[in-house]
C-alpha cells in the first residue's frame, strides 16, 4: 500500500492522508476515537470508491495513526480543525462525510461549519456529545475529583487499551455539543446503528434521529451488530447507504 501523504495544517499539525481522485461528490471518511485510517471500514470504502470511479479521502486526526501529536493532547475541537483543514485543502466541491463513532460527531460538526459543502451524510454508530453524555454524566465523584486534580482519568475499553480522558477533552467537548441546539441537515442522511453496540447505545441513535431535522433522514438498526460494524453484511449496508445518499445528492 502506498505511503500516506502529509498535509501541513495552519495549526502546525501534520495530517496524514490517502486521497483518491474521481468524480464527485467527494466521500470523506471520518474515523472514531483512537482509530485510524487503516481500519477495515476506511480501507473497504476507499476500494469501493475507487471501483466506482469516485473521489475519496481518508485521514488521521492529530494524535491518531500517522499524524503528528499525542492523543492525550487533543480534543474534539482540535480534531474538528483537522477535519476542516483536510476537507478544505484536499477536496473540491460537494462532499459526503461518512462518520464512524466519534467521526459521526465530527461529521455533524462539519455539517454545521460548512453546510454549503455537504451533499449528504452517512454515520455509523454516531457518538455526538459523548464527552458530556457518555463520560462526564457517568463519572463518579472520585473520577471528577481526579480529573480536576490530576488532569485525566483512565477508562476501560472493550476494543483496545484504556482511554485516557483529559480535563481539556471534557471542557472543550462542551463547546462542540450538537444535541443541545437546532441541527438541520437539509440533504439525504442515513444513520446506521448496531443493537449489540456496547460503546454507543440505540438510544443515542434514536435521540440523534429525533433531534435532527431534514427532508430525507433514516435510521437503520442492525440486530446483533456491534460497534465495529465491519463484517461483510455491515460493510454492504454502508455502501448501500452511500449509494442512496449519492443518488439523492
C-alpha atoms as a PDB file:
ATOM      1  CA  UNK A   1       0.000   0.000   0.000  1.00  0.00           C
ATOM      2  CA  UNK A   2       1.240   3.483  -0.862  1.00  0.00           C
ATOM      3  CA  UNK A   3       2.687   5.677   1.852  1.00  0.00           C
ATOM      4  CA  UNK A   4       0.465   8.326   3.331  1.00  0.00           C
ATOM      5  CA  UNK A   5       0.822  11.909   2.150  1.00  0.00           C
ATOM      6  CA  UNK A   6       1.158  14.710   4.706  1.00  0.00           C
ATOM      7  CA  UNK A   7      -0.837  17.922   4.934  1.00  0.00           C
ATOM      8  CA  UNK A   8       0.823  20.708   6.911  1.00  0.00           C
ATOM      9  CA  UNK A   9      -2.140  22.450   8.547  1.00  0.00           C
ATOM     10  CA  UNK A  10      -2.136  26.104   9.574  1.00  0.00           C
ATOM     11  CA  UNK A  11      -2.334  24.910  13.184  1.00  0.00           C
ATOM     12  CA  UNK A  12       1.130  23.386  12.753  1.00  0.00           C
ATOM     13  CA  UNK A  13      -0.210  19.850  12.970  1.00  0.00           C
ATOM     14  CA  UNK A  14       0.768  17.345  10.297  1.00  0.00           C
ATOM     15  CA  UNK A  15      -2.198  15.393   8.967  1.00  0.00           C
ATOM     16  CA  UNK A  16      -1.523  12.062   7.242  1.00  0.00           C
ATOM     17  CA  UNK A  17      -3.947  11.146   4.472  1.00  0.00           C
ATOM     18  CA  UNK A  18      -4.742   8.993   1.453  1.00  0.00           C
ATOM     19  CA  UNK A  19      -6.595  10.678  -1.394  1.00  0.00           C
ATOM     20  CA  UNK A  20      -8.164   9.120  -4.479  1.00  0.00           C
ATOM     21  CA  UNK A  21      -9.236  11.310  -7.393  1.00  0.00           C
ATOM     22  CA  UNK A  22     -12.551  10.586  -9.083  1.00  0.00           C
ATOM     23  CA  UNK A  23     -15.951  12.047  -9.768  1.00  0.00           C
ATOM     24  CA  UNK A  24     -17.732  13.893  -7.006  1.00  0.00           C
ATOM     25  CA  UNK A  25     -19.201  14.364  -4.570  1.00  0.00           C
ATOM     26  CA  UNK A  26     -16.080  13.550  -2.553  1.00  0.00           C
ATOM     27  CA  UNK A  27     -16.585  10.805   0.032  1.00  0.00           C
ATOM     28  CA  UNK A  28     -14.721  11.716   3.223  1.00  0.00           C
ATOM     29  CA  UNK A  29     -14.253   9.023   5.857  1.00  0.00           C
ATOM     30  CA  UNK A  30     -14.077  10.265   9.456  1.00  0.00           C
ATOM     31  CA  UNK A  31     -12.829   7.672  11.922  1.00  0.00           C
ATOM     32  CA  UNK A  32     -13.544   7.118  15.577  1.00  0.00           C
ATOM     33  CA  UNK A  33     -11.737   7.963  18.785  1.00  0.00           C
ATOM     34  CA  UNK A  34      -8.256   6.394  18.791  1.00  0.00           C
ATOM     35  CA  UNK A  35      -8.924   4.640  15.489  1.00  0.00           C
ATOM     36  CA  UNK A  36      -7.033   5.403  12.285  1.00  0.00           C
ATOM     37  CA  UNK A  37      -7.415   5.499   8.531  1.00  0.00           C
ATOM     38  CA  UNK A  38      -6.106   1.940   8.165  1.00  0.00           C
ATOM     39  CA  UNK A  39      -9.241   0.455   9.733  1.00  0.00           C
ATOM     40  CA  UNK A  40     -11.452  -2.038   7.931  1.00  0.00           C
ATOM     41  CA  UNK A  41     -14.240   0.415   7.062  1.00  0.00           C
ATOM     42  CA  UNK A  42     -11.906   3.145   5.792  1.00  0.00           C
ATOM     43  CA  UNK A  43      -9.907   0.842   3.525  1.00  0.00           C
ATOM     44  CA  UNK A  44     -13.001  -1.015   2.300  1.00  0.00           C
ATOM     45  CA  UNK A  45     -14.743   2.233   1.372  1.00  0.00           C
ATOM     46  CA  UNK A  46     -11.658   3.516  -0.409  1.00  0.00           C
ATOM     47  CA  UNK A  47     -11.565   0.348  -2.516  1.00  0.00           C
ATOM     48  CA  UNK A  48     -15.296   0.618  -3.182  1.00  0.00           C
ATOM     49  CA  UNK A  49     -14.970   4.267  -4.208  1.00  0.00           C
ATOM     50  CA  UNK A  50     -12.035   3.501  -6.495  1.00  0.00           C
ATOM     51  CA  UNK A  51     -14.036   0.731  -8.182  1.00  0.00           C
ATOM     52  CA  UNK A  52     -16.896   3.204  -8.673  1.00  0.00           C
ATOM     53  CA  UNK A  53     -14.576   5.905 -10.009  1.00  0.00           C
ATOM     54  CA  UNK A  54     -15.490   8.154  -7.085  1.00  0.00           C
ATOM     55  CA  UNK A  55     -13.331  10.682  -5.252  1.00  0.00           C
ATOM     56  CA  UNK A  56     -12.392   9.547  -1.743  1.00  0.00           C
ATOM     57  CA  UNK A  57     -10.415  10.897   1.217  1.00  0.00           C
ATOM     58  CA  UNK A  58      -9.367   9.226   4.460  1.00  0.00           C
ATOM     59  CA  UNK A  59      -7.023  10.768   7.014  1.00  0.00           C
ATOM     60  CA  UNK A  60      -5.810  10.581  10.601  1.00  0.00           C
ATOM     61  CA  UNK A  61      -6.686  13.230  13.159  1.00  0.00           C
ATOM     62  CA  UNK A  62      -3.726  14.622  15.078  1.00  0.00           C
ATOM     63  CA  UNK A  63      -2.667  12.209  17.812  1.00  0.00           C
ATOM     64  CA  UNK A  64      -4.066   9.328  15.765  1.00  0.00           C
ATOM     65  CA  UNK A  65      -2.408   6.915  13.357  1.00  0.00           C
ATOM     66  CA  UNK A  66       0.348   8.504  11.279  1.00  0.00           C
ATOM     67  CA  UNK A  67      -0.473  12.138  12.033  1.00  0.00           C
ATOM     68  CA  UNK A  68       1.598  14.252  14.393  1.00  0.00           C
ATOM     69  CA  UNK A  69       0.934  14.797  18.083  1.00  0.00           C
ATOM     70  CA  UNK A  70      -0.111  12.764  21.098  1.00  0.00           C
ATOM     71  CA  UNK A  71      -3.666  11.569  21.623  1.00  0.00           C
ATOM     72  CA  UNK A  72      -3.786  12.955  25.167  1.00  0.00           C
ATOM     73  CA  UNK A  73      -3.009  16.473  23.890  1.00  0.00           C
ATOM     74  CA  UNK A  74      -6.048  16.506  21.607  1.00  0.00           C
ATOM     75  CA  UNK A  75      -9.751  17.209  21.970  1.00  0.00           C
ATOM     76  CA  UNK A  76     -12.912  17.269  19.882  1.00  0.00           C
ATOM     77  CA  UNK A  77     -12.293  20.831  18.730  1.00  0.00           C
ATOM     78  CA  UNK A  78      -8.738  20.062  17.605  1.00  0.00           C
ATOM     79  CA  UNK A  79      -9.958  17.128  15.553  1.00  0.00           C
ATOM     80  CA  UNK A  80     -12.709  19.289  14.064  1.00  0.00           C
ATOM     81  CA  UNK A  81      -9.975  21.724  12.992  1.00  0.00           C
ATOM     82  CA  UNK A  82      -8.056  18.825  11.431  1.00  0.00           C
ATOM     83  CA  UNK A  83     -11.194  17.708   9.592  1.00  0.00           C
ATOM     84  CA  UNK A  84     -11.910  21.203   8.298  1.00  0.00           C
ATOM     85  CA  UNK A  85      -8.294  21.625   7.160  1.00  0.00           C
ATOM     86  CA  UNK A  86      -8.257  18.291   5.337  1.00  0.00           C
ATOM     87  CA  UNK A  87     -11.569  18.937   3.612  1.00  0.00           C
ATOM     88  CA  UNK A  88     -10.581  22.474   2.575  1.00  0.00           C
ATOM     89  CA  UNK A  89      -7.171  21.509   1.222  1.00  0.00           C
ATOM     90  CA  UNK A  90      -7.809  18.077  -0.253  1.00  0.00           C
ATOM     91  CA  UNK A  91     -11.342  18.099  -1.677  1.00  0.00           C
ATOM     92  CA  UNK A  92     -13.259  20.251  -4.127  1.00  0.00           C
ATOM     93  CA  UNK A  93     -16.956  20.902  -4.402  1.00  0.00           C
ATOM     94  CA  UNK A  94     -19.668  18.856  -2.664  1.00  0.00           C
ATOM     95  CA  UNK A  95     -18.715  16.208  -0.105  1.00  0.00           C
ATOM     96  CA  UNK A  96     -20.425  13.280   1.614  1.00  0.00           C
ATOM     97  CA  UNK A  97     -18.928  12.659   5.059  1.00  0.00           C
ATOM     98  CA  UNK A  98     -19.046   9.100   6.373  1.00  0.00           C
ATOM     99  CA  UNK A  99     -18.539   9.336  10.130  1.00  0.00           C
ATOM    100  CA  UNK A 100     -17.891   6.367  12.397  1.00  0.00           C
ATOM    101  CA  UNK A 101     -18.459   6.727  16.173  1.00  0.00           C
ATOM    102  CA  UNK A 102     -16.633   9.925  17.200  1.00  0.00           C
ATOM    103  CA  UNK A 103     -16.332  10.547  13.469  1.00  0.00           C
ATOM    104  CA  UNK A 104     -20.109  10.825  13.412  1.00  0.00           C
ATOM    105  CA  UNK A 105     -19.847  13.750  15.824  1.00  0.00           C
ATOM    106  CA  UNK A 106     -17.094  15.210  13.643  1.00  0.00           C
ATOM    107  CA  UNK A 107     -19.313  14.821  10.586  1.00  0.00           C
ATOM    108  CA  UNK A 108     -22.135  16.705  12.305  1.00  0.00           C
ATOM    109  CA  UNK A 109     -19.722  19.487  13.311  1.00  0.00           C
ATOM    110  CA  UNK A 110     -18.583  19.671   9.693  1.00  0.00           C
ATOM    111  CA  UNK A 111     -22.201  19.881   8.531  1.00  0.00           C
ATOM    112  CA  UNK A 112     -22.708  22.766  10.938  1.00  0.00           C
ATOM    113  CA  UNK A 113     -19.484  24.554   9.965  1.00  0.00           C
ATOM    114  CA  UNK A 114     -19.647  24.153   6.187  1.00  0.00           C
ATOM    115  CA  UNK A 115     -23.259  23.406   5.227  1.00  0.00           C
ATOM    116  CA  UNK A 116     -22.813  24.597   1.653  1.00  0.00           C
ATOM    117  CA  UNK A 117     -20.259  21.826   1.007  1.00  0.00           C
ATOM    118  CA  UNK A 118     -22.426  18.928   2.227  1.00  0.00           C
ATOM    119  CA  UNK A 119     -24.271  16.829  -0.363  1.00  0.00           C
ATOM    120  CA  UNK A 120     -25.273  14.054   2.042  1.00  0.00           C
ATOM    121  CA  UNK A 121     -24.277  12.269   5.230  1.00  0.00           C
ATOM    122  CA  UNK A 122     -23.775   8.691   6.424  1.00  0.00           C
ATOM    123  CA  UNK A 123     -22.967   7.842  10.037  1.00  0.00           C
ATOM    124  CA  UNK A 124     -22.060   4.534  11.643  1.00  0.00           C
ATOM    125  CA  UNK A 125     -22.720   4.297  15.401  1.00  0.00           C
ATOM    126  CA  UNK A 126     -22.513   8.075  15.626  1.00  0.00           C
ATOM    127  CA  UNK A 127     -21.457   9.318  19.064  1.00  0.00           C
ATOM    128  CA  UNK A 128     -22.384  13.008  19.269  1.00  0.00           C
ATOM    129  CA  UNK A 129     -21.773  14.755  22.607  1.00  0.00           C
ATOM    130  CA  UNK A 130     -20.224  11.621  24.146  1.00  0.00           C
ATOM    131  CA  UNK A 131     -17.732  13.554  26.272  1.00  0.00           C
ATOM    132  CA  UNK A 132     -20.639  15.083  28.159  1.00  0.00           C
ATOM    133  CA  UNK A 133     -23.345  12.411  27.969  1.00  0.00           C
ATOM    134  CA  UNK A 134     -21.154   9.324  27.939  1.00  0.00           C
ATOM    135  CA  UNK A 135     -18.178  10.348  30.087  1.00  0.00           C
ATOM    136  CA  UNK A 136     -18.956  13.283  32.366  1.00  0.00           C
ATOM    137  CA  UNK A 137     -22.530  12.167  33.076  1.00  0.00           C
ATOM    138  CA  UNK A 138     -21.316   8.767  34.305  1.00  0.00           C
ATOM    139  CA  UNK A 139     -18.178   9.836  36.166  1.00  0.00           C
ATOM    140  CA  UNK A 140     -18.202   9.175  39.884  1.00  0.00           C
ATOM    141  CA  UNK A 141     -17.420  11.978  42.301  1.00  0.00           C
ATOM    142  CA  UNK A 142     -13.983  10.417  42.723  1.00  0.00           C
ATOM    143  CA  UNK A 143     -13.355  10.479  38.957  1.00  0.00           C
ATOM    144  CA  UNK A 144     -14.494  14.088  38.707  1.00  0.00           C
ATOM    145  CA  UNK A 145     -12.147  14.989  41.545  1.00  0.00           C
ATOM    146  CA  UNK A 146      -9.289  13.114  39.874  1.00  0.00           C
ATOM    147  CA  UNK A 147      -9.950  14.946  36.624  1.00  0.00           C
ATOM    148  CA  UNK A 148      -9.682  18.241  38.492  1.00  0.00           C
ATOM    149  CA  UNK A 149      -6.560  17.398  40.491  1.00  0.00           C
ATOM    150  CA  UNK A 150      -4.645  15.179  38.056  1.00  0.00           C
ATOM    151  CA  UNK A 151      -5.999  16.381  34.728  1.00  0.00           C
ATOM    152  CA  UNK A 152      -7.095  12.982  33.423  1.00  0.00           C
ATOM    153  CA  UNK A 153      -8.793   9.683  34.165  1.00  0.00           C
ATOM    154  CA  UNK A 154      -8.335   6.271  32.529  1.00  0.00           C
ATOM    155  CA  UNK A 155     -11.441   4.481  31.264  1.00  0.00           C
ATOM    156  CA  UNK A 156     -11.547   0.822  30.170  1.00  0.00           C
ATOM    157  CA  UNK A 157     -12.297  -0.002  26.549  1.00  0.00           C
ATOM    158  CA  UNK A 158     -13.837  -3.121  25.037  1.00  0.00           C
ATOM    159  CA  UNK A 159     -11.665  -2.694  21.964  1.00  0.00           C
ATOM    160  CA  UNK A 160      -8.169  -1.555  22.982  1.00  0.00           C
ATOM    161  CA  UNK A 161      -6.088  -0.233  25.884  1.00  0.00           C
ATOM    162  CA  UNK A 162      -7.825   2.165  28.295  1.00  0.00           C
ATOM    163  CA  UNK A 163      -8.821   5.604  27.057  1.00  0.00           C
ATOM    164  CA  UNK A 164      -7.079   8.476  28.821  1.00  0.00           C
ATOM    165  CA  UNK A 165      -9.737  11.169  29.119  1.00  0.00           C
ATOM    166  CA  UNK A 166      -8.360  14.612  29.891  1.00  0.00           C
ATOM    167  CA  UNK A 167      -9.925  17.601  31.574  1.00  0.00           C
ATOM    168  CA  UNK A 168      -9.319  19.550  28.356  1.00  0.00           C
ATOM    169  CA  UNK A 169     -11.283  16.983  26.324  1.00  0.00           C
ATOM    170  CA  UNK A 170     -14.259  17.275  28.660  1.00  0.00           C
ATOM    171  CA  UNK A 171     -14.190  21.066  28.788  1.00  0.00           C
ATOM    172  CA  UNK A 172     -13.653  21.504  25.052  1.00  0.00           C
ATOM    173  CA  UNK A 173     -16.382  18.960  24.335  1.00  0.00           C
ATOM    174  CA  UNK A 174     -18.899  21.321  25.915  1.00  0.00           C
ATOM    175  CA  UNK A 175     -18.104  23.858  23.204  1.00  0.00           C
ATOM    176  CA  UNK A 176     -18.760  21.283  20.472  1.00  0.00           C
ATOM    177  CA  UNK A 177     -22.138  19.855  21.558  1.00  0.00           C
ATOM    178  CA  UNK A 178     -24.649  19.330  18.737  1.00  0.00           C
ATOM    179  CA  UNK A 179     -27.685  17.856  20.510  1.00  0.00           C
ATOM    180  CA  UNK A 180     -28.498  20.953  22.589  1.00  0.00           C
ATOM    181  CA  UNK A 181     -29.157  23.365  19.731  1.00  0.00           C
ATOM    182  CA  UNK A 182     -31.004  23.050  16.415  1.00  0.00           C
ATOM    183  CA  UNK A 183     -29.381  20.602  13.999  1.00  0.00           C
ATOM    184  CA  UNK A 184     -30.755  20.949  10.481  1.00  0.00           C
ATOM    185  CA  UNK A 185     -29.477  18.503   7.870  1.00  0.00           C
ATOM    186  CA  UNK A 186     -31.076  19.546   4.556  1.00  0.00           C
ATOM    187  CA  UNK A 187     -29.696  16.673   2.449  1.00  0.00           C
ATOM    188  CA  UNK A 188     -30.000  12.874   2.342  1.00  0.00           C
ATOM    189  CA  UNK A 189     -28.936  11.373   5.702  1.00  0.00           C
ATOM    190  CA  UNK A 190     -28.516   7.728   6.702  1.00  0.00           C
ATOM    191  CA  UNK A 191     -27.733   6.753  10.298  1.00  0.00           C
ATOM    192  CA  UNK A 192     -26.579   3.139  10.872  1.00  0.00           C
ATOM    193  CA  UNK A 193     -26.530   1.537  14.327  1.00  0.00           C
ATOM    194  CA  UNK A 194     -25.974  -1.950  15.717  1.00  0.00           C
ATOM    195  CA  UNK A 195     -28.204  -3.198  18.528  1.00  0.00           C
ATOM    196  CA  UNK A 196     -25.297  -5.049  20.222  1.00  0.00           C
ATOM    197  CA  UNK A 197     -23.097  -1.948  20.326  1.00  0.00           C
ATOM    198  CA  UNK A 198     -21.691  -1.567  23.858  1.00  0.00           C
ATOM    199  CA  UNK A 199     -19.983   1.772  23.131  1.00  0.00           C
ATOM    200  CA  UNK A 200     -22.886   3.710  21.581  1.00  0.00           C
ATOM    201  CA  UNK A 201     -26.447   2.865  22.536  1.00  0.00           C
ATOM    202  CA  UNK A 202     -29.501   2.528  20.329  1.00  0.00           C
ATOM    203  CA  UNK A 203     -30.988   5.283  22.487  1.00  0.00           C
ATOM    204  CA  UNK A 204     -28.223   7.635  21.348  1.00  0.00           C
ATOM    205  CA  UNK A 205     -29.025   6.874  17.707  1.00  0.00           C
ATOM    206  CA  UNK A 206     -32.725   7.460  18.325  1.00  0.00           C
ATOM    207  CA  UNK A 207     -32.008  10.708  20.144  1.00  0.00           C
ATOM    208  CA  UNK A 208     -29.988  11.963  17.171  1.00  0.00           C
ATOM    209  CA  UNK A 209     -32.739  10.982  14.749  1.00  0.00           C
ATOM    210  CA  UNK A 210     -35.381  12.731  16.842  1.00  0.00           C
ATOM    211  CA  UNK A 211     -33.287  15.846  17.419  1.00  0.00           C
ATOM    212  CA  UNK A 212     -32.075  16.498  13.872  1.00  0.00           C
ATOM    213  CA  UNK A 213     -34.348  17.918  11.211  1.00  0.00           C
ATOM    214  CA  UNK A 214     -34.235  17.345   7.482  1.00  0.00           C
ATOM    215  CA  UNK A 215     -36.262  16.182   4.489  1.00  0.00           C
ATOM    216  CA  UNK A 216     -34.643  12.762   3.949  1.00  0.00           C
ATOM    217  CA  UNK A 217     -33.380  11.125   7.121  1.00  0.00           C
ATOM    218  CA  UNK A 218     -33.417   7.439   8.089  1.00  0.00           C
ATOM    219  CA  UNK A 219     -32.065   5.332  10.935  1.00  0.00           C
ATOM    220  CA  UNK A 220     -31.268   1.669  10.237  1.00  0.00           C
ATOM    221  CA  UNK A 221     -30.888  -0.635  13.246  1.00  0.00           C
ATOM    222  CA  UNK A 222     -28.949  -3.833  12.638  1.00  0.00           C
ATOM    223  CA  UNK A 223     -29.772  -6.610  15.076  1.00  0.00           C
ATOM    224  CA  UNK A 224     -26.705  -8.031  16.889  1.00  0.00           C
ATOM    225  CA  UNK A 225     -24.199  -5.783  15.085  1.00  0.00           C
ATOM    226  CA  UNK A 226     -21.523  -4.422  17.429  1.00  0.00           C
ATOM    227  CA  UNK A 227     -19.608  -1.153  17.497  1.00  0.00           C
ATOM    228  CA  UNK A 228     -17.101  -2.242  14.878  1.00  0.00           C
ATOM    229  CA  UNK A 229     -19.875  -2.604  12.275  1.00  0.00           C
ATOM    230  CA  UNK A 230     -17.300  -4.091   9.921  1.00  0.00           C
ATOM    231  CA  UNK A 231     -18.362  -7.606   8.986  1.00  0.00           C
ATOM    232  CA  UNK A 232     -19.395  -8.227   5.378  1.00  0.00           C
ATOM    233  CA  UNK A 233     -23.157  -7.593   5.812  1.00  0.00           C
ATOM    234  CA  UNK A 234     -22.461  -4.348   7.692  1.00  0.00           C
ATOM    235  CA  UNK A 235     -19.985  -3.155   5.080  1.00  0.00           C
ATOM    236  CA  UNK A 236     -22.594  -3.841   2.409  1.00  0.00           C
ATOM    237  CA  UNK A 237     -25.118  -1.784   4.364  1.00  0.00           C
ATOM    238  CA  UNK A 238     -22.669   1.125   4.479  1.00  0.00           C
ATOM    239  CA  UNK A 239     -22.223   1.094   0.700  1.00  0.00           C
ATOM    240  CA  UNK A 240     -25.985   0.781   0.209  1.00  0.00           C
ATOM    241  CA  UNK A 241     -26.484   3.834   2.415  1.00  0.00           C
ATOM    242  CA  UNK A 242     -23.813   5.693   0.460  1.00  0.00           C
ATOM    243  CA  UNK A 243     -25.446   4.802  -2.834  1.00  0.00           C
ATOM    244  CA  UNK A 244     -28.805   6.110  -1.587  1.00  0.00           C
ATOM    245  CA  UNK A 245     -27.262   9.346  -0.387  1.00  0.00           C
ATOM    246  CA  UNK A 246     -25.248   9.856  -3.575  1.00  0.00           C
ATOM    247  CA  UNK A 247     -28.310   9.164  -5.731  1.00  0.00           C
ATOM    248  CA  UNK A 248     -30.223  11.836  -3.868  1.00  0.00           C
ATOM    249  CA  UNK A 249     -27.446  14.423  -3.780  1.00  0.00           C
END
